[in-house]
C-alpha atoms as a PDB file:
ATOM      1  CA  MET A   1      71.056 111.198  97.068  1.00  0.00           C
ATOM      2  CA  GLY A   2      73.664 113.828  96.275  1.00  0.00           C
ATOM      3  CA  VAL A   3      75.842 115.189  99.046  1.00  0.00           C
ATOM      4  CA  PHE A   4      73.150 114.326 101.602  1.00  0.00           C
ATOM      5  CA  VAL A   5      74.543 110.794 101.774  1.00  0.00           C
ATOM      6  CA  PHE A   6      77.743 112.195 103.297  1.00  0.00           C
ATOM      7  CA  LEU A   7      76.061 114.361 105.953  1.00  0.00           C
ATOM      8  CA  PRO A   8      75.497 111.607 108.563  1.00  0.00           C
ATOM      9  CA  LEU A   9      79.216 110.870 108.465  1.00  0.00           C
ATOM     10  CA  LEU A  10      80.030 114.435 109.589  1.00  0.00           C
ATOM     11  CA  LEU A  11      77.010 115.447 111.673  1.00  0.00           C
ATOM     12  CA  PRO A  12      78.343 113.765 114.860  1.00  0.00           C
ATOM     13  CA  LEU A  13      80.458 116.915 115.096  1.00  0.00           C
ATOM     14  CA  SER A  14      77.248 118.753 116.033  1.00  0.00           C
ATOM     15  CA  ALA A  15      77.182 116.834 119.346  1.00  0.00           C
ATOM     16  CA  TRP A  16      80.628 117.947 120.491  1.00  0.00           C
ATOM     17  CA  PRO A  17      79.401 121.103 122.271  1.00  0.00           C
ATOM     18  CA  VAL A  18      76.744 119.218 124.255  1.00  0.00           C
ATOM     19  CA  ALA A  19      79.291 116.530 125.163  1.00  0.00           C
ATOM     20  CA  ARG A  20      81.472 119.260 126.641  1.00  0.00           C
ATOM     21  CA  LEU A  21      78.767 121.257 128.404  1.00  0.00           C
ATOM     22  CA  ALA A  22      76.553 118.406 129.643  1.00  0.00           C
ATOM     23  CA  GLU A  23      79.180 117.340 132.183  1.00  0.00           C
ATOM     24  CA  HIS A  24      78.816 120.645 134.031  1.00  0.00           C
ATOM     25  CA  ARG A  25      75.433 122.139 133.097  1.00  0.00           C
ATOM     26  CA  LEU A  26      73.080 119.141 133.328  1.00  0.00           C
ATOM     27  CA  HIS A  27      72.232 116.664 136.057  1.00  0.00           C
ATOM     28  CA  PRO A  28      74.388 113.534 135.518  1.00  0.00           C
ATOM     29  CA  ARG A  29      71.338 111.302 135.027  1.00  0.00           C
ATOM     30  CA  THR A  30      69.927 113.601 132.346  1.00  0.00           C
ATOM     31  CA  ALA A  31      73.307 114.043 130.687  1.00  0.00           C
ATOM     32  CA  THR A  32      73.968 110.290 130.535  1.00  0.00           C
ATOM     33  CA  ARG A  33      70.647 109.466 128.944  1.00  0.00           C
ATOM     34  CA  LEU A  34      70.721 112.401 126.538  1.00  0.00           C
ATOM     35  CA  LEU A  35      74.282 111.817 125.315  1.00  0.00           C
ATOM     36  CA  THR A  36      73.689 108.079 124.909  1.00  0.00           C
ATOM     37  CA  GLY A  37      70.607 108.752 122.802  1.00  0.00           C
ATOM     38  CA  PHE A  38      72.457 111.197 120.565  1.00  0.00           C
ATOM     39  CA  ALA A  39      75.385 108.796 120.171  1.00  0.00           C
ATOM     40  CA  VAL A  40      73.182 105.836 119.202  1.00  0.00           C
ATOM     41  CA  VAL A  41      71.141 107.792 116.634  1.00  0.00           C
ATOM     42  CA  LEU A  42      74.165 109.410 115.025  1.00  0.00           C
ATOM     43  CA  ALA A  43      76.082 106.122 114.925  1.00  0.00           C
ATOM     44  CA  LEU A  44      73.214 104.232 113.295  1.00  0.00           C
ATOM     45  CA  CYS A  45      72.748 106.919 110.656  1.00  0.00           C
ATOM     46  CA  SER A  46      76.426 107.109 109.745  1.00  0.00           C
ATOM     47  CA  THR A  47      76.682 103.308 109.555  1.00  0.00           C
ATOM     48  CA  LEU A  48      73.634 103.152 107.288  1.00  0.00           C
ATOM     49  CA  CYS A  49      75.149 105.690 104.912  1.00  0.00           C
ATOM     50  CA  LEU A  50      78.431 103.799 104.851  1.00  0.00           C
ATOM     51  CA  ALA A  51      76.448 100.692 103.914  1.00  0.00           C
ATOM     52  CA  LEU A  52      74.727 102.565 101.068  1.00  0.00           C
ATOM     53  CA  LEU A  53      78.037 103.811  99.727  1.00  0.00           C
ATOM     54  CA  MET A  54      79.469 100.295 100.022  1.00  0.00           C
ATOM     55  CA  VAL A  55      76.659  98.938  97.831  1.00  0.00           C
ATOM     56  CA  VAL A  56      77.544 101.446  95.124  1.00  0.00           C
ATOM     57  CA  GLY A  57      81.241 100.657  95.465  1.00  0.00           C
ATOM     58  CA  THR A  58      80.785  96.874  95.522  1.00  0.00           C
ATOM     59  CA  ALA A  59      78.594  96.935  92.421  1.00  0.00           C
ATOM     60  CA  GLN A  60      81.580  98.295  90.477  1.00  0.00           C
ATOM     61  CA  LEU A  61      83.880  95.399  91.386  1.00  0.00           C
ATOM     62  CA  PRO A  62      84.290  92.654  88.766  1.00  0.00           C
ATOM     63  CA  GLY A  63      82.821  89.324  89.783  1.00  0.00           C
ATOM     64  CA  ASN A  64      80.661  90.773  92.559  1.00  0.00           C
ATOM     65  CA  PRO A  65      77.502  88.801  93.443  1.00  0.00           C
ATOM     66  CA  LEU A  66      75.207  91.821  93.069  1.00  0.00           C
ATOM     67  CA  PRO A  67      72.820  92.155  90.103  1.00  0.00           C
ATOM     68  CA  ASP A  68      74.436  93.678  87.009  1.00  0.00           C
ATOM     69  CA  GLY A  69      71.820  96.414  86.910  1.00  0.00           C
ATOM     70  CA  TRP A  70      73.112  97.814  90.224  1.00  0.00           C
ATOM     71  CA  SER A  71      76.201  99.102  88.447  1.00  0.00           C
ATOM     72  CA  ASP A  72      74.031 101.123  86.085  1.00  0.00           C
ATOM     73  CA  PRO A  73      75.366 104.656  85.402  1.00  0.00           C
ATOM     74  CA  GLU A  74      72.145 106.147  86.788  1.00  0.00           C
ATOM     75  CA  VAL A  75      72.799 104.441  90.117  1.00  0.00           C
ATOM     76  CA  ARG A  76      76.399 105.642  90.238  1.00  0.00           C
ATOM     77  CA  ALA A  77      75.318 109.151  89.290  1.00  0.00           C
ATOM     78  CA  ALA A  78      73.270 109.349  92.496  1.00  0.00           C
ATOM     79  CA  VAL A  79      76.483 109.414  94.536  1.00  0.00           C
ATOM     80  CA  PRO A  80      79.015 112.230  94.041  1.00  0.00           C
ATOM     81  CA  TYR A  81      82.487 110.857  93.329  1.00  0.00           C
ATOM     82  CA  ASP A  82      81.014 107.383  93.295  1.00  0.00           C
ATOM     83  CA  VAL A  83      84.280 105.591  92.467  1.00  0.00           C
ATOM     84  CA  ILE A  84      86.254 107.210  95.292  1.00  0.00           C
ATOM     85  CA  ALA A  85      83.397 107.182  97.814  1.00  0.00           C
ATOM     86  CA  GLY A  86      82.456 103.586  97.068  1.00  0.00           C
ATOM     87  CA  SER A  87      86.051 102.391  97.234  1.00  0.00           C
ATOM     88  CA  ILE A  88      86.619 104.061 100.607  1.00  0.00           C
ATOM     89  CA  ALA A  89      83.282 102.897 102.036  1.00  0.00           C
ATOM     90  CA  ILE A  90      84.086  99.192 101.618  1.00  0.00           C
ATOM     91  CA  PRO A  91      87.087  99.044 103.996  1.00  0.00           C
ATOM     92  CA  ALA A  92      85.543 101.724 106.233  1.00  0.00           C
ATOM     93  CA  LEU A  93      82.406  99.669 106.826  1.00  0.00           C
ATOM     94  CA  GLY A  94      84.544  96.586 107.325  1.00  0.00           C
ATOM     95  CA  ALA A  95      86.506  98.432 110.007  1.00  0.00           C
ATOM     96  CA  VAL A  96      83.257  99.498 111.704  1.00  0.00           C
ATOM     97  CA  VAL A  97      81.921  95.935 111.781  1.00  0.00           C
ATOM     98  CA  LEU A  98      85.206  94.488 113.023  1.00  0.00           C
ATOM     99  CA  GLY A  99      85.544  97.193 115.675  1.00  0.00           C
ATOM    100  CA  ALA A 100      82.023  96.616 116.967  1.00  0.00           C
ATOM    101  CA  LEU A 101      82.511  92.844 117.017  1.00  0.00           C
ATOM    102  CA  HIS A 102      85.811  93.236 118.848  1.00  0.00           C
ATOM    103  CA  ALA A 103      84.180  95.419 121.516  1.00  0.00           C
ATOM    104  CA  LEU A 104      81.277  92.986 121.951  1.00  0.00           C
ATOM    105  CA  VAL A 105      83.462  89.896 122.070  1.00  0.00           C
ATOM    106  CA  ARG A 106      85.823  91.499 124.589  1.00  0.00           C
ATOM    107  CA  HIS A 107      82.886  92.564 126.752  1.00  0.00           C
ATOM    108  CA  LEU A 108      81.374  89.062 126.726  1.00  0.00           C
ATOM    109  CA  ARG A 109      84.736  87.366 127.239  1.00  0.00           C
ATOM    110  CA  VAL A 110      85.539  89.450 130.304  1.00  0.00           C
ATOM    111  CA  ARG A 111      82.074  88.849 131.727  1.00  0.00           C
ATOM    112  CA  ARG A 112      82.480  85.084 131.334  1.00  0.00           C
ATOM    113  CA  ARG A 113      85.900  85.239 132.972  1.00  0.00           C
ATOM    114  CA  VAL A 114      84.504  87.169 135.935  1.00  0.00           C
ATOM    115  CA  GLU A 115      81.533  84.828 136.241  1.00  0.00           C
ATOM    116  CA  ARG A 116      83.864  81.826 136.319  1.00  0.00           C
ATOM    117  CA  ALA A 117      85.878  83.490 139.099  1.00  0.00           C
ATOM    118  CA  LEU A 118      82.653  83.963 141.085  1.00  0.00           C
ATOM    119  CA  ALA A 119      81.321  80.452 140.436  1.00  0.00           C
ATOM    120  CA  GLY A 120      82.570  79.029 143.727  1.00  0.00           C
ATOM    121  CA  LEU A 121      81.297  81.895 145.872  1.00  0.00           C
ATOM    122  CA  PRO A 122      77.856  82.164 147.502  1.00  0.00           C
ATOM    123  CA  GLY A 123      75.277  83.884 145.307  1.00  0.00           C
ATOM    124  CA  ARG A 124      75.099  87.045 147.401  1.00  0.00           C
ATOM    125  CA  PRO A 125      74.649  90.592 146.078  1.00  0.00           C
ATOM    126  CA  VAL A 126      78.230  91.397 147.152  1.00  0.00           C
ATOM    127  CA  ALA A 127      81.048  89.073 146.075  1.00  0.00           C
ATOM    128  CA  VAL A 128      84.329  89.532 147.940  1.00  0.00           C
ATOM    129  CA  LEU A 129      87.311  88.016 146.139  1.00  0.00           C
ATOM    130  CA  PRO A 130      90.393  87.106 148.202  1.00  0.00           C
ATOM    131  CA  ASP A 131      92.631  89.275 146.080  1.00  0.00           C
ATOM    132  CA  PRO A 132      95.138  91.748 147.578  1.00  0.00           C
ATOM    133  CA  VAL A 133      94.881  93.939 144.472  1.00  0.00           C
ATOM    134  CA  PRO A 134      92.316  96.717 145.203  1.00  0.00           C
ATOM    135  CA  TYR A 135      89.364  96.920 142.796  1.00  0.00           C
ATOM    136  CA  ALA A 136      85.584  97.023 142.722  1.00  0.00           C
ATOM    137  CA  TYR A 137      83.066  97.057 139.901  1.00  0.00           C
ATOM    138  CA  ALA A 138      79.418  96.349 139.140  1.00  0.00           C
ATOM    139  CA  LEU A 139      78.540  93.076 137.388  1.00  0.00           C
ATOM    140  CA  PRO A 140      75.012  92.993 135.894  1.00  0.00           C
ATOM    141  CA  GLY A 141      73.227  89.679 136.178  1.00  0.00           C
ATOM    142  CA  ARG A 142      72.087  87.441 133.343  1.00  0.00           C
ATOM    143  CA  ARG A 143      70.781  83.901 132.770  1.00  0.00           C
ATOM    144  CA  GLY A 144      68.824  83.913 135.966  1.00  0.00           C
ATOM    145  CA  THR A 145      71.626  85.334 138.102  1.00  0.00           C
ATOM    146  CA  GLY A 146      71.187  88.558 140.031  1.00  0.00           C
ATOM    147  CA  ASP A 147      73.254  91.707 139.893  1.00  0.00           C
ATOM    148  CA  ARG A 148      76.418  91.607 141.980  1.00  0.00           C
ATOM    149  CA  VAL A 149      78.995  94.014 143.304  1.00  0.00           C
ATOM    150  CA  VAL A 150      82.461  92.519 142.901  1.00  0.00           C
ATOM    151  CA  VAL A 151      85.049  93.841 145.350  1.00  0.00           C
ATOM    152  CA  SER A 152      88.473  92.618 146.382  1.00  0.00           C
ATOM    153  CA  ALA A 153      89.631  92.067 149.940  1.00  0.00           C
ATOM    154  CA  GLY A 154      92.496  94.436 149.227  1.00  0.00           C
ATOM    155  CA  LEU A 155      90.170  97.366 148.610  1.00  0.00           C
ATOM    156  CA  LEU A 156      87.948  96.634 151.595  1.00  0.00           C
ATOM    157  CA  ALA A 157      91.001  96.558 153.852  1.00  0.00           C
ATOM    158  CA  ALA A 158      91.994 100.041 152.667  1.00  0.00           C
ATOM    159  CA  LEU A 159      88.595 101.663 153.383  1.00  0.00           C
ATOM    160  CA  GLY A 160      86.848 102.535 156.608  1.00  0.00           C
ATOM    161  CA  SER A 161      83.329 101.364 157.417  1.00  0.00           C
ATOM    162  CA  ALA A 162      81.660 104.576 156.204  1.00  0.00           C
ATOM    163  CA  GLU A 163      83.713 104.539 153.009  1.00  0.00           C
ATOM    164  CA  ARG A 164      82.777 100.916 152.393  1.00  0.00           C
ATOM    165  CA  ARG A 165      79.110 101.834 152.677  1.00  0.00           C
ATOM    166  CA  ALA A 166      79.644 104.645 150.170  1.00  0.00           C
ATOM    167  CA  LEU A 167      81.490 102.275 147.815  1.00  0.00           C
ATOM    168  CA  PHE A 168      78.684  99.710 147.878  1.00  0.00           C
ATOM    169  CA  ALA A 169      76.050 102.427 147.380  1.00  0.00           C
ATOM    170  CA  HIS A 170      77.992 103.700 144.363  1.00  0.00           C
ATOM    171  CA  GLU A 171      78.227 100.277 142.728  1.00  0.00           C
ATOM    172  CA  ARG A 172      74.566  99.481 143.456  1.00  0.00           C
ATOM    173  CA  ALA A 173      73.644 102.761 141.784  1.00  0.00           C
ATOM    174  CA  HIS A 174      75.468 101.567 138.659  1.00  0.00           C
ATOM    175  CA  LEU A 175      73.435  98.377 138.693  1.00  0.00           C
ATOM    176  CA  ALA A 176      70.103 100.069 139.403  1.00  0.00           C
ATOM    177  CA  GLY A 177      70.661 102.598 136.618  1.00  0.00           C
ATOM    178  CA  ARG A 178      71.826  99.884 134.162  1.00  0.00           C
ATOM    179  CA  HIS A 179      74.851 102.043 133.412  1.00  0.00           C
ATOM    180  CA  HIS A 180      76.605  99.191 131.635  1.00  0.00           C
ATOM    181  CA  ARG A 181      74.082  99.545 128.813  1.00  0.00           C
ATOM    182  CA  HIS A 182      74.914 103.205 128.354  1.00  0.00           C
ATOM    183  CA  LEU A 183      78.643 102.470 128.429  1.00  0.00           C
ATOM    184  CA  LEU A 184      78.358  99.634 125.916  1.00  0.00           C
ATOM    185  CA  ALA A 185      76.143 101.713 123.610  1.00  0.00           C
ATOM    186  CA  VAL A 186      78.563 104.643 123.460  1.00  0.00           C
ATOM    187  CA  GLN A 187      81.501 102.252 123.121  1.00  0.00           C
ATOM    188  CA  LEU A 188      79.903 100.737 120.003  1.00  0.00           C
ATOM    189  CA  ALA A 189      78.907 104.181 118.726  1.00  0.00           C
ATOM    190  CA  ALA A 190      82.504 105.387 118.970  1.00  0.00           C
ATOM    191  CA  ARG A 191      83.605 102.337 116.989  1.00  0.00           C
ATOM    192  CA  ALA A 192      81.024 103.191 114.326  1.00  0.00           C
ATOM    193  CA  ASN A 193      82.159 106.801 113.948  1.00  0.00           C
ATOM    194  CA  PRO A 194      85.363 108.232 115.471  1.00  0.00           C
ATOM    195  CA  PHE A 195      83.684 111.650 115.731  1.00  0.00           C
ATOM    196  CA  LEU A 196      81.545 110.176 118.547  1.00  0.00           C
ATOM    197  CA  ARG A 197      84.492 109.519 120.856  1.00  0.00           C
ATOM    198  CA  PRO A 198      83.911 112.740 122.837  1.00  0.00           C
ATOM    199  CA  LEU A 199      80.415 111.464 123.658  1.00  0.00           C
ATOM    200  CA  ARG A 200      81.863 108.157 124.847  1.00  0.00           C
ATOM    201  CA  THR A 201      84.257 110.016 127.134  1.00  0.00           C
ATOM    202  CA  ALA A 202      81.482 112.271 128.415  1.00  0.00           C
ATOM    203  CA  VAL A 203      79.097 109.374 129.147  1.00  0.00           C
ATOM    204  CA  THR A 204      81.848 107.511 131.003  1.00  0.00           C
ATOM    205  CA  PHE A 205      82.184 110.552 133.255  1.00  0.00           C
ATOM    206  CA  THR A 206      78.480 111.381 133.668  1.00  0.00           C
ATOM    207  CA  ALA A 207      77.599 107.754 134.485  1.00  0.00           C
ATOM    208  CA  GLU A 208      80.115 107.860 137.315  1.00  0.00           C
ATOM    209  CA  ARG A 209      78.741 111.210 138.473  1.00  0.00           C
ATOM    210  CA  TRP A 210      75.218 109.764 138.383  1.00  0.00           C
ATOM    211  CA  ALA A 211      76.330 106.930 140.670  1.00  0.00           C
ATOM    212  CA  ASP A 212      78.200 109.424 142.877  1.00  0.00           C
ATOM    213  CA  GLU A 213      75.080 111.514 143.442  1.00  0.00           C
ATOM    214  CA  THR A 214      72.914 108.452 144.082  1.00  0.00           C
ATOM    215  CA  ALA A 215      75.431 107.147 146.613  1.00  0.00           C
ATOM    216  CA  ALA A 216      75.556 110.551 148.313  1.00  0.00           C
ATOM    217  CA  GLY A 217      71.780 110.440 148.705  1.00  0.00           C
ATOM    218  CA  VAL A 218      71.921 106.956 150.223  1.00  0.00           C
ATOM    219  CA  VAL A 219      74.800 107.665 152.595  1.00  0.00           C
ATOM    220  CA  GLY A 220      73.628 111.155 153.455  1.00  0.00           C
ATOM    221  CA  ASP A 221      77.150 112.583 153.504  1.00  0.00           C
ATOM    222  CA  ARG A 222      78.675 113.914 150.311  1.00  0.00           C
ATOM    223  CA  ARG A 223      82.133 114.241 151.874  1.00  0.00           C
ATOM    224  CA  THR A 224      82.214 110.563 152.815  1.00  0.00           C
ATOM    225  CA  VAL A 225      81.406 109.559 149.243  1.00  0.00           C
ATOM    226  CA  ALA A 226      84.039 111.966 147.920  1.00  0.00           C
ATOM    227  CA  ARG A 227      86.625 110.524 150.292  1.00  0.00           C
ATOM    228  CA  ALA A 228      85.756 106.943 149.358  1.00  0.00           C
ATOM    229  CA  ILE A 229      85.940 107.678 145.625  1.00  0.00           C
ATOM    230  CA  GLY A 230      89.214 109.555 145.945  1.00  0.00           C
ATOM    231  CA  ARG A 231      90.848 106.798 147.978  1.00  0.00           C
ATOM    232  CA  ALA A 232      89.525 104.033 145.717  1.00  0.00           C
ATOM    233  CA  ALA A 233      90.805 105.866 142.638  1.00  0.00           C
ATOM    234  CA  LEU A 234      94.276 106.251 144.118  1.00  0.00           C
ATOM    235  CA  ILE A 235      94.761 102.562 144.913  1.00  0.00           C
ATOM    236  CA  SER A 236      92.375 100.651 142.630  1.00  0.00           C
ATOM    237  CA  ALA A 237      93.274  98.740 139.508  1.00  0.00           C
ATOM    238  CA  PRO A 238      91.174  99.605 136.443  1.00  0.00           C
ATOM    239  CA  ALA A 239      88.073  97.619 135.578  1.00  0.00           C
ATOM    240  CA  PRO A 240      88.719  94.598 133.334  1.00  0.00           C
ATOM    241  CA  VAL A 241      86.680  96.204 130.555  1.00  0.00           C
ATOM    242  CA  ALA A 242      85.404  99.744 129.959  1.00  0.00           C
ATOM    243  CA  THR A 243      81.765  98.621 129.936  1.00  0.00           C
ATOM    244  CA  LEU A 244      81.865  97.463 133.585  1.00  0.00           C
ATOM    245  CA  PRO A 245      81.392 100.540 135.814  1.00  0.00           C
ATOM    246  CA  GLN A 246      83.610 100.991 138.857  1.00  0.00           C
ATOM    247  CA  ALA A 247      83.836 103.440 141.730  1.00  0.00           C
ATOM    248  CA  GLY A 248      87.285 104.750 140.823  1.00  0.00           C
ATOM    249  CA  GLY A 249      86.662 104.631 137.091  1.00  0.00           C
ATOM    250  CA  GLY A 250      87.472 107.349 134.631  1.00  0.00           C
ATOM    251  CA  GLY A 251      91.214 107.621 135.150  1.00  0.00           C
ATOM    252  CA  ALA A 252      93.206 110.187 137.073  1.00  0.00           C
ATOM    253  CA  GLY A 253      91.746 113.138 135.165  1.00  0.00           C
ATOM    254  CA  PRO A 254      87.981 112.856 135.848  1.00  0.00           C
ATOM    255  CA  VAL A 255      88.291 111.699 139.479  1.00  0.00           C
ATOM    256  CA  PRO A 256      89.353 115.105 140.888  1.00  0.00           C
ATOM    257  CA  ARG A 257      86.410 116.692 139.058  1.00  0.00           C
ATOM    258  CA  ARG A 258      84.061 114.127 140.588  1.00  0.00           C
ATOM    259  CA  VAL A 259      85.434 114.742 144.053  1.00  0.00           C
ATOM    260  CA  ALA A 260      85.144 118.508 143.581  1.00  0.00           C
ATOM    261  CA  ALA A 261      81.529 118.112 142.452  1.00  0.00           C
ATOM    262  CA  LEU A 262      80.711 116.059 145.543  1.00  0.00           C
ATOM    263  CA  LEU A 263      82.289 118.681 147.784  1.00  0.00           C
ATOM    264  CA  GLY A 264      79.989 121.270 146.197  1.00  0.00           C
ATOM    265  CA  PRO A 265      76.203 121.573 146.347  1.00  0.00           C
ATOM    266  CA  GLU A 266      73.942 118.842 145.059  1.00  0.00           C
ATOM    267  CA  PRO A 267      73.051 119.438 141.384  1.00  0.00           C
ATOM    268  CA  ALA A 268      69.429 120.259 140.694  1.00  0.00           C
ATOM    269  CA  GLU A 269      67.720 118.269 137.984  1.00  0.00           C
ATOM    270  CA  PRO A 270      65.670 120.589 135.733  1.00  0.00           C
ATOM    271  CA  GLY A 271      62.067 119.789 135.061  1.00  0.00           C
ATOM    272  CA  LEU A 272      62.641 120.228 131.327  1.00  0.00           C
ATOM    273  CA  VAL A 273      65.549 118.647 129.469  1.00  0.00           C
ATOM    274  CA  TRP A 274      65.210 121.047 126.562  1.00  0.00           C
ATOM    275  CA  LEU A 275      66.697 124.183 128.038  1.00  0.00           C
ATOM    276  CA  PRO A 276      66.025 127.533 126.363  1.00  0.00           C
ATOM    277  CA  LEU A 277      68.283 128.687 123.557  1.00  0.00           C
ATOM    278  CA  SER A 278      69.368 131.641 125.660  1.00  0.00           C
ATOM    279  CA  THR A 279      71.646 129.317 127.685  1.00  0.00           C
ATOM    280  CA  SER A 280      74.824 127.726 126.363  1.00  0.00           C
ATOM    281  CA  ALA A 281      73.687 124.249 127.439  1.00  0.00           C
ATOM    282  CA  GLY A 282      70.292 124.745 125.792  1.00  0.00           C
ATOM    283  CA  LEU A 283      71.929 125.925 122.574  1.00  0.00           C
ATOM    284  CA  ALA A 284      74.224 122.892 122.587  1.00  0.00           C
ATOM    285  CA  ILE A 285      71.321 120.477 123.200  1.00  0.00           C
ATOM    286  CA  TRP A 286      69.218 121.972 120.431  1.00  0.00           C
ATOM    287  CA  GLY A 287      72.220 121.944 118.108  1.00  0.00           C
ATOM    288  CA  ALA A 288      72.856 118.255 118.773  1.00  0.00           C
ATOM    289  CA  ALA A 289      69.140 117.494 118.362  1.00  0.00           C
ATOM    290  CA  ALA A 290      69.113 119.311 115.038  1.00  0.00           C
ATOM    291  CA  GLY A 291      72.192 117.381 113.927  1.00  0.00           C
ATOM    292  CA  ALA A 292      70.631 114.057 114.904  1.00  0.00           C
ATOM    293  CA  THR A 293      67.372 114.968 113.127  1.00  0.00           C
ATOM    294  CA  VAL A 294      69.115 116.043 109.919  1.00  0.00           C
ATOM    295  CA  SER A 295      71.263 112.910 110.065  1.00  0.00           C
ATOM    296  CA  ALA A 296      68.193 110.685 110.409  1.00  0.00           C
ATOM    297  CA  LEU A 297      66.366 112.442 107.580  1.00  0.00           C
ATOM    298  CA  SER A 298      69.414 112.376 105.304  1.00  0.00           C
ATOM    299  CA  SER A 299      70.097 108.680 105.869  1.00  0.00           C
ATOM    300  CA  ALA A 300      66.422 107.799 105.401  1.00  0.00           C
ATOM    301  CA  ASN A 301      66.219 109.846 102.198  1.00  0.00           C
ATOM    302  CA  SER A 302      69.412 108.253 100.862  1.00  0.00           C
ATOM    303  CA  ALA A 303      68.209 104.752 101.703  1.00  0.00           C
ATOM    304  CA  VAL A 304      64.833 105.227 100.010  1.00  0.00           C
ATOM    305  CA  THR A 305      66.395 106.884  96.949  1.00  0.00           C
ATOM    306  CA  LEU A 306      69.001 104.173  96.470  1.00  0.00           C
ATOM    307  CA  PHE A 307      66.408 101.446  97.010  1.00  0.00           C
ATOM    308  CA  LEU A 308      64.200 102.878  94.269  1.00  0.00           C
ATOM    309  CA  LEU A 309      67.151 103.330  91.895  1.00  0.00           C
ATOM    310  CA  LEU A 310      68.409  99.783  92.457  1.00  0.00           C
ATOM    311  CA  ARG A 311      64.930  98.377  92.057  1.00  0.00           C
ATOM    312  CA  ALA A 312      64.444 100.201  88.778  1.00  0.00           C
ATOM    313  CA  ALA A 313      67.934  99.244  87.544  1.00  0.00           C
ATOM    314  CA  ALA A 314      67.433  95.555  88.379  1.00  0.00           C
ATOM    315  CA  ALA A 315      64.107  95.500  86.556  1.00  0.00           C
ATOM    316  CA  THR A 316      65.554  97.093  83.420  1.00  0.00           C
ATOM    317  CA  PRO A 317      67.087  94.525  81.026  1.00  0.00           C
ATOM    318  CA  LEU A 318      70.595  95.287  79.731  1.00  0.00           C
END
């Protein structure tokens, strides 16, 4: 395996430029899908390599349940600095698993809490809660229930009729685009590798921009959508969990950029995602694609190599 086993742990750095440029140089729909794909591939590859290093490290521990042949010197020689790398990989992989489980459990727990709060309300696409605290977010359906927009009476009272229409169009765009899947995927990817946090931040922003542009097309007035988003962001409480999209989501920093984008011209979606290398966005996309490809090849090569070594070591009597 050599040093190639470590490459997937560092190659998420190759996606940083595209995470920075995609927010401004690509259509939000394209940017969201592209960044989510990069994040998932890079996270899976780095987690696989951590698992391979953990096998080498665990085989060195006394009393481990693995076959004795797996601690063969030939197996350890396949990993540079096998003692250090294996020892670090064990708690690192444990932290990845615990972080991913924590994110999933929190997501499911919040969803169940919201569904219980909506249990006594009519099963309409829009659920208005009698809460004076302003908030609104999109709740995807499951178990035979449809998608719903959850909004508080406090937020509706603070918006005009046109702004309410823009708010509902924004939240419906989140549901139609299944943005919660993108947000959950990048949330788990960031837990798998901290180097993927910039992609999580970028997808959180581009998913909101995607819904902004869809809402602007439905309402037919970009300024109305900008005004609704700005007002909702100023008075709304945050969503109960980061994987539930909301109109004023993204914090105080991204909201002014979203409003400014809506006050500008509508972004044009290119016919080709793979822009030429002569542009900065194209260079960043190709760089991230190359990083994801090398990461996939490196992790696959390491997995096959270690599998063959362990198989041979287990078959060889001591």
